[in-house]
């Protein structure tokens, strides 16, 4: 019998725990030649960044509600920021003024049309929820979270180099010199390059980054997505491989591209020092320590599961939902 561990020995596969099969199943990486390599010269290292603001969200789905065969999700999204400065992290919220926290009722567009319900707030008993609408409940929730994260980015990007955990899928704000925002993608689903090229990224050394690649931002005729892969640890394969990306207007690109390259170079010199490559904490080293620090604070702001369930049950059994 063939031992799989022998076949993949030396590839250092990245292992991920599937916590909820109903909402998260990993997919294959999509390899394509849709992007163009931008840089011709060897990528040079830069001095590390002194100050970075990291932005992230935590999402918890409490209930799935089936209405006329359509799935509606009741979730909470908590979004906040942490500043890394002089080797220390400080959250940018307090007990008096906490992070952005929203209960969200996410539903398919077809159901919202039946209910004649737009994207507004609704009350379900004691629960006040924002309505998010999309092709399905999950895509509605994803789009809503992107918008909340964009709002958080706008608070800080004018003053600090700002990193959003995850992909940059919004059109504004676009890249500002020494400010970003920069998306840090740790779960790569679309490579934008061929398998052969992608394999060379996995062979990079710690703090090394790939030459930048460019592609059109989906849904826009005037915006470009600029990307570069960076290796956070000296282990070949997917472990510690993440992608930096930013968005820029096409007519600004030529005059701004070297500023983008410089920002990516600085981050390549900084981010590997902000990971724990030997930790057993899930999602490390792809998750940076400032993001882990932020996520643990954000988790404190989740509602109690029993409270949400009891409030929803009380509202839907014997009481009308008030729009």
Protein backbone atom coordinates (compact mmCIF):
# COMPACT_ATOMS: atom_id res chain seq x y z
CA UNK A 1 0.00 0.00 0.00
CA UNK A 2 1.29 3.49 -0.91
CA UNK A 3 2.05 5.77 2.02
CA UNK A 4 0.90 9.30 1.13
CA UNK A 5 3.38 10.81 3.57
CA UNK A 6 6.18 9.33 1.47
CA UNK A 7 4.76 10.79 -1.75
CA UNK A 8 4.53 14.31 -0.39
CA UNK A 9 7.68 14.18 1.70
CA UNK A 10 9.60 17.42 1.29
CA UNK A 11 6.57 19.39 0.04
CA UNK A 12 5.72 20.61 3.58
CA UNK A 13 1.93 20.67 3.10
CA UNK A 14 -0.05 23.22 5.09
CA UNK A 15 -2.60 21.53 7.36
CA UNK A 16 -5.88 23.28 8.16
CA UNK A 17 -8.62 22.11 10.53
CA UNK A 18 -12.15 22.20 9.10
CA UNK A 19 -14.17 23.52 12.04
CA UNK A 20 -17.53 23.84 10.30
CA UNK A 21 -18.12 21.74 7.21
CA UNK A 22 -21.32 23.61 6.41
CA UNK A 23 -19.67 26.98 5.96
CA UNK A 24 -16.02 26.34 5.10
CA UNK A 25 -14.57 23.72 2.81
CA UNK A 26 -11.14 24.50 1.33
CA UNK A 27 -10.90 24.62 -2.45
CA UNK A 28 -8.12 23.93 -4.92
CA UNK A 29 -5.84 26.78 -5.91
CA UNK A 30 -6.80 28.11 -9.33
CA UNK A 31 -3.67 28.40 -11.47
CA UNK A 32 -3.82 30.72 -14.44
CA UNK A 33 -1.66 32.95 -16.62
CA UNK A 34 -4.00 35.92 -16.33
CA UNK A 35 -1.48 38.26 -14.74
CA UNK A 36 1.68 39.91 -16.08
CA UNK A 37 5.05 40.09 -14.36
CA UNK A 38 5.92 43.75 -13.76
CA UNK A 39 9.44 43.98 -12.36
CA UNK A 40 12.49 43.15 -14.43
CA UNK A 41 15.24 43.90 -11.91
CA UNK A 42 16.13 41.84 -8.85
CA UNK A 43 13.90 42.73 -5.92
CA UNK A 44 15.89 44.72 -3.35
CA UNK A 45 15.31 44.70 0.38
CA UNK A 46 14.37 47.87 2.24
CA UNK A 47 14.58 48.96 5.86
CA UNK A 48 11.71 47.62 8.01
CA UNK A 49 8.52 49.59 8.65
CA UNK A 50 8.42 51.40 11.98
CA UNK A 51 4.64 51.71 12.28
CA UNK A 52 1.83 49.61 10.79
CA UNK A 53 -1.90 49.51 11.46
CA UNK A 54 -3.42 46.04 11.04
CA UNK A 55 -7.17 45.69 10.40
CA UNK A 56 -9.20 42.52 10.68
CA UNK A 57 -12.70 41.18 11.35
CA UNK A 58 -14.01 38.23 13.29
CA UNK A 59 -17.22 36.62 12.16
CA UNK A 60 -19.46 34.19 13.98
CA UNK A 61 -22.59 32.65 12.46
CA UNK A 62 -25.09 31.83 15.18
CA UNK A 63 -28.13 30.53 13.31
CA UNK A 64 -29.25 29.28 9.91
CA UNK A 65 -32.91 30.04 9.17
CA UNK A 66 -34.72 28.34 6.31
CA UNK A 67 -37.48 30.50 4.82
CA UNK A 68 -39.40 29.16 1.81
CA UNK A 69 -36.40 26.96 1.05
CA UNK A 70 -33.96 29.88 1.11
CA UNK A 71 -31.13 29.90 3.64
CA UNK A 72 -30.75 32.99 5.83
CA UNK A 73 -27.76 33.39 8.16
CA UNK A 74 -27.77 35.30 11.42
CA UNK A 75 -24.19 36.34 12.10
CA UNK A 76 -22.13 38.83 14.03
CA UNK A 77 -19.17 40.70 12.55
CA UNK A 78 -16.70 42.48 14.82
CA UNK A 79 -14.07 44.71 13.16
CA UNK A 80 -11.16 46.57 14.69
CA UNK A 81 -7.55 47.67 14.36
CA UNK A 82 -4.24 47.34 16.17
CA UNK A 83 -1.17 49.52 15.78
CA UNK A 84 2.33 48.02 15.74
CA UNK A 85 4.89 50.62 16.78
CA UNK A 86 8.34 50.39 18.39
CA UNK A 87 7.99 46.63 18.70
CA UNK A 88 4.69 46.82 20.63
CA UNK A 89 1.03 46.30 19.73
CA UNK A 90 -1.84 48.43 21.00
CA UNK A 91 -5.50 47.97 20.10
CA UNK A 92 -7.17 51.06 18.67
CA UNK A 93 -10.36 50.72 20.70
CA UNK A 94 -11.25 50.68 24.37
CA UNK A 95 -13.96 49.44 26.76
CA UNK A 96 -15.62 52.86 26.44
CA UNK A 97 -15.46 52.88 22.65
CA UNK A 98 -15.27 49.32 21.43
CA UNK A 99 -14.71 47.89 17.95
CA UNK A 100 -17.39 47.99 15.25
CA UNK A 101 -19.87 45.22 16.08
CA UNK A 102 -22.85 44.34 13.92
CA UNK A 103 -25.51 41.65 13.94
CA UNK A 104 -26.19 40.79 10.30
CA UNK A 105 -29.11 38.99 8.70
CA UNK A 106 -27.71 37.73 5.39
CA UNK A 107 -30.10 36.46 2.73
CA UNK A 108 -30.39 35.67 -1.00
CA UNK A 109 -31.66 38.44 -3.25
CA UNK A 110 -34.57 36.24 -4.41
CA UNK A 111 -35.91 36.01 -0.86
CA UNK A 112 -35.43 39.71 -0.18
CA UNK A 113 -37.58 40.46 -3.24
CA UNK A 114 -40.30 38.12 -2.03
CA UNK A 115 -40.27 39.80 1.39
CA UNK A 116 -39.93 43.24 -0.25
CA UNK A 117 -37.00 43.87 2.05
CA UNK A 118 -34.06 46.09 1.13
CA UNK A 119 -30.67 46.48 2.79
CA UNK A 120 -31.83 48.19 5.95
CA UNK A 121 -32.07 47.39 9.65
CA UNK A 122 -34.70 44.99 10.96
CA UNK A 123 -35.67 43.91 14.44
CA UNK A 124 -36.21 40.27 15.38
CA UNK A 125 -37.56 40.47 18.88
CA UNK A 126 -34.73 41.93 20.99
CA UNK A 127 -32.18 41.61 18.19
CA UNK A 128 -31.43 44.59 15.93
CA UNK A 129 -29.81 43.41 12.67
CA UNK A 130 -28.47 44.93 9.49
CA UNK A 131 -29.74 43.19 6.35
CA UNK A 132 -27.15 42.03 3.81
CA UNK A 133 -28.31 40.85 0.38
CA UNK A 134 -26.40 38.83 -2.22
CA UNK A 135 -26.67 35.93 -4.63
CA UNK A 136 -26.78 33.72 -1.55
CA UNK A 137 -26.45 34.29 2.19
CA UNK A 138 -22.72 33.57 2.35
CA UNK A 139 -21.81 35.94 -0.49
CA UNK A 140 -24.03 38.59 1.10
CA UNK A 141 -22.14 38.18 4.37
CA UNK A 142 -18.76 38.35 2.60
CA UNK A 143 -19.68 41.58 0.80
CA UNK A 144 -21.02 43.16 3.97
CA UNK A 145 -17.80 42.36 5.85
CA UNK A 146 -15.67 43.83 3.05
CA UNK A 147 -17.61 47.09 3.34
CA UNK A 148 -17.20 47.24 7.12
CA UNK A 149 -13.46 46.58 6.75
CA UNK A 150 -13.20 49.27 4.08
CA UNK A 151 -14.76 51.76 6.51
CA UNK A 152 -12.17 50.77 9.13
CA UNK A 153 -9.34 51.17 6.61
CA UNK A 154 -10.52 54.71 5.82
CA UNK A 155 -10.09 55.70 9.49
CA UNK A 156 -6.34 55.08 9.48
CA UNK A 157 -4.93 54.94 5.94
CA UNK A 158 -4.42 58.70 5.75
CA UNK A 159 -1.97 58.62 8.67
CA UNK A 160 -0.39 55.15 8.75
CA UNK A 161 0.72 52.31 6.53
CA UNK A 162 -2.39 50.13 6.76
CA UNK A 163 -2.67 46.38 6.24
CA UNK A 164 -6.04 44.68 5.90
CA UNK A 165 -6.00 41.00 6.72
CA UNK A 166 -7.33 39.32 3.58
CA UNK A 167 -7.87 40.38 0.00
CA UNK A 168 -8.46 43.96 -1.19
CA UNK A 169 -11.83 43.71 -2.93
CA UNK A 170 -12.98 47.30 -2.66
CA UNK A 171 -12.28 50.07 -5.16
CA UNK A 172 -11.53 52.89 -2.71
CA UNK A 173 -9.33 53.92 -1.09
CA UNK A 174 -6.73 53.06 -3.69
CA UNK A 175 -2.99 52.95 -2.98
CA UNK A 176 -1.47 55.99 -1.31
CA UNK A 177 2.31 56.46 -1.12
CA UNK A 178 3.69 54.89 2.10
CA UNK A 179 0.12 54.35 3.30
CA UNK A 180 -1.51 51.55 1.29
CA UNK A 181 -3.87 49.99 2.03
CA UNK A 182 -2.24 46.59 1.47
CA UNK A 183 -4.15 43.33 1.66
CA UNK A 184 -2.39 40.33 3.19
CA UNK A 185 -3.84 37.11 1.76
CA UNK A 186 -2.91 33.98 3.69
CA UNK A 187 -5.40 31.55 2.13
CA UNK A 188 -4.53 31.77 -1.56
CA UNK A 189 -7.39 30.50 -3.73
CA UNK A 190 -6.39 32.07 -7.03
CA UNK A 191 -2.69 32.16 -7.83
CA UNK A 192 -2.83 34.46 -10.90
CA UNK A 193 0.23 32.59 -12.24
CA UNK A 194 0.95 29.09 -13.56
CA UNK A 195 1.71 26.12 -11.32
CA UNK A 196 5.35 26.20 -12.45
CA UNK A 197 5.77 29.84 -11.39
CA UNK A 198 3.84 29.31 -8.16
CA UNK A 199 6.13 26.46 -7.18
CA UNK A 200 9.11 28.82 -7.39
CA UNK A 201 7.38 31.07 -4.86
CA UNK A 202 7.24 28.20 -2.40
CA UNK A 203 11.00 27.77 -2.78
CA UNK A 204 11.81 31.36 -1.80
CA UNK A 205 13.83 32.06 1.33
CA UNK A 206 12.53 33.87 4.41
CA UNK A 207 11.86 37.60 3.76
CA UNK A 208 12.17 37.09 0.01
CA UNK A 209 9.35 38.29 -2.21
CA UNK A 210 8.37 37.59 -5.78
CA UNK A 211 8.40 40.13 -8.56
CA UNK A 212 5.13 42.01 -8.74
CA UNK A 213 2.31 40.80 -10.97
CA UNK A 214 -0.62 42.86 -12.22
CA UNK A 215 -4.16 42.09 -13.29
CA UNK A 216 -7.42 43.99 -13.71
CA UNK A 217 -9.54 44.29 -10.60
CA UNK A 218 -12.67 42.21 -11.18
CA UNK A 219 -15.67 44.43 -11.81
CA UNK A 220 -13.66 47.53 -12.75
CA UNK A 221 -12.32 48.80 -16.07
CA UNK A 222 -9.99 51.40 -14.56
CA UNK A 223 -8.39 49.69 -11.54
CA UNK A 224 -5.39 47.36 -11.37
CA UNK A 225 -4.55 44.84 -8.66
CA UNK A 226 -0.80 44.72 -7.95
CA UNK A 227 0.44 41.62 -6.12
CA UNK A 228 3.61 40.07 -4.75
CA UNK A 229 4.17 36.83 -2.85
CA UNK A 230 6.35 36.80 0.25
CA UNK A 231 7.87 33.91 2.22
CA UNK A 232 7.63 34.35 5.97
CA UNK A 233 9.71 31.30 7.00
CA UNK A 234 12.62 29.25 5.68
CA UNK A 235 10.49 26.19 4.93
CA UNK A 236 9.74 25.22 1.31
CA UNK A 237 6.17 24.71 0.15
CA UNK A 238 2.96 26.55 1.10
CA UNK A 239 3.93 27.02 4.74
CA UNK A 240 4.55 30.69 5.38
CA UNK A 241 3.66 31.78 1.83
CA UNK A 242 1.31 34.78 1.69
CA UNK A 243 0.38 37.38 -0.92
CA UNK A 244 0.53 41.16 -0.59
CA UNK A 245 -1.79 43.14 -2.84
CA UNK A 246 -3.01 46.66 -3.43
CA UNK A 247 -5.30 48.47 -5.88
CA UNK A 248 -4.33 51.46 -8.05
CA UNK A 249 -6.02 53.44 -10.82
CA UNK A 250 -4.59 52.48 -14.20
CA UNK A 251 -3.81 56.10 -15.11
CA UNK A 252 -1.81 56.52 -11.87
CA UNK A 253 0.12 53.30 -12.14
CA UNK A 254 3.22 54.40 -14.06
CA UNK A 255 3.94 57.31 -11.75
CA UNK A 256 3.21 55.27 -8.60
CA UNK A 257 4.53 51.76 -9.32
CA UNK A 258 7.97 52.30 -7.75
CA UNK A 259 6.31 53.51 -4.56
CA UNK A 260 4.27 50.29 -4.51
CA UNK A 261 7.43 48.23 -5.03
CA UNK A 262 9.16 50.10 -2.18
CA UNK A 263 6.22 49.50 0.18
CA UNK A 264 6.22 45.79 -0.66
CA UNK A 265 9.99 45.68 -0.08
CA UNK A 266 9.58 47.28 3.34
CA UNK A 267 6.86 44.82 4.28
CA UNK A 268 9.01 41.93 3.07
CA UNK A 269 11.67 43.13 5.53
CA UNK A 270 9.16 43.54 8.36
CA UNK A 271 6.49 40.83 8.29
CA UNK A 272 8.77 37.79 8.75
CA UNK A 273 9.82 39.24 12.12
CA UNK A 274 6.15 39.35 13.18
CA UNK A 275 5.42 35.63 12.89
CA UNK A 276 6.00 32.62 15.10
CA UNK A 277 7.15 29.84 12.80
CA UNK A 278 7.41 27.24 15.58
CA UNK A 279 4.05 27.86 17.27
CA UNK A 280 1.24 25.32 17.37
CA UNK A 281 -1.33 28.13 17.22
CA UNK A 282 -3.66 27.43 14.26
CA UNK A 283 -2.96 29.41 11.07
CA UNK A 284 0.57 30.40 12.03
CA UNK A 285 2.95 31.42 10.56
CA UNK A 286 0.60 32.81 7.88
CA UNK A 287 -1.19 34.83 10.58
CA UNK A 288 1.06 37.57 11.88
CA UNK A 289 1.32 38.03 15.66
CA UNK A 290 -0.34 41.50 15.57
CA UNK A 291 -3.35 39.95 13.79
CA UNK A 292 -3.54 37.10 16.33
CA UNK A 293 -3.32 39.72 19.10
CA UNK A 294 -6.17 41.70 17.50
CA UNK A 295 -8.38 38.66 16.88
CA UNK A 296 -8.21 37.59 20.52
CA UNK A 297 -9.43 41.02 21.62
CA UNK A 298 -12.20 41.05 19.02
CA UNK A 299 -13.42 37.62 20.19
CA UNK A 300 -14.33 39.17 23.54
CA UNK A 301 -17.06 41.18 21.86
CA UNK A 302 -19.10 38.27 20.51
CA UNK A 303 -22.59 37.82 21.87
CA UNK A 304 -23.33 34.73 23.90
CA UNK A 305 -24.56 31.88 21.68
CA UNK A 306 -27.38 30.96 24.10
CA UNK A 307 -28.59 34.56 24.29
CA UNK A 308 -28.87 34.81 20.49
CA UNK A 309 -30.58 31.42 20.19
CA UNK A 310 -33.10 32.13 22.96
CA UNK A 311 -33.86 35.62 21.62
CA UNK A 312 -34.40 34.27 18.10
CA UNK A 313 -36.55 31.36 19.26
CA UNK A 314 -38.66 33.65 21.45
CA UNK A 315 -39.18 36.08 18.56
CA UNK A 316 -40.06 33.50 15.88
CA UNK A 317 -42.35 31.29 17.94
CA UNK A 318 -45.44 33.23 18.81
CA UNK A 319 -44.24 36.72 17.87
CA UNK A 320 -44.04 38.49 14.56
CA UNK A 321 -40.77 39.67 13.07
CA UNK A 322 -41.00 43.49 12.95
CA UNK A 323 -39.57 45.20 9.84
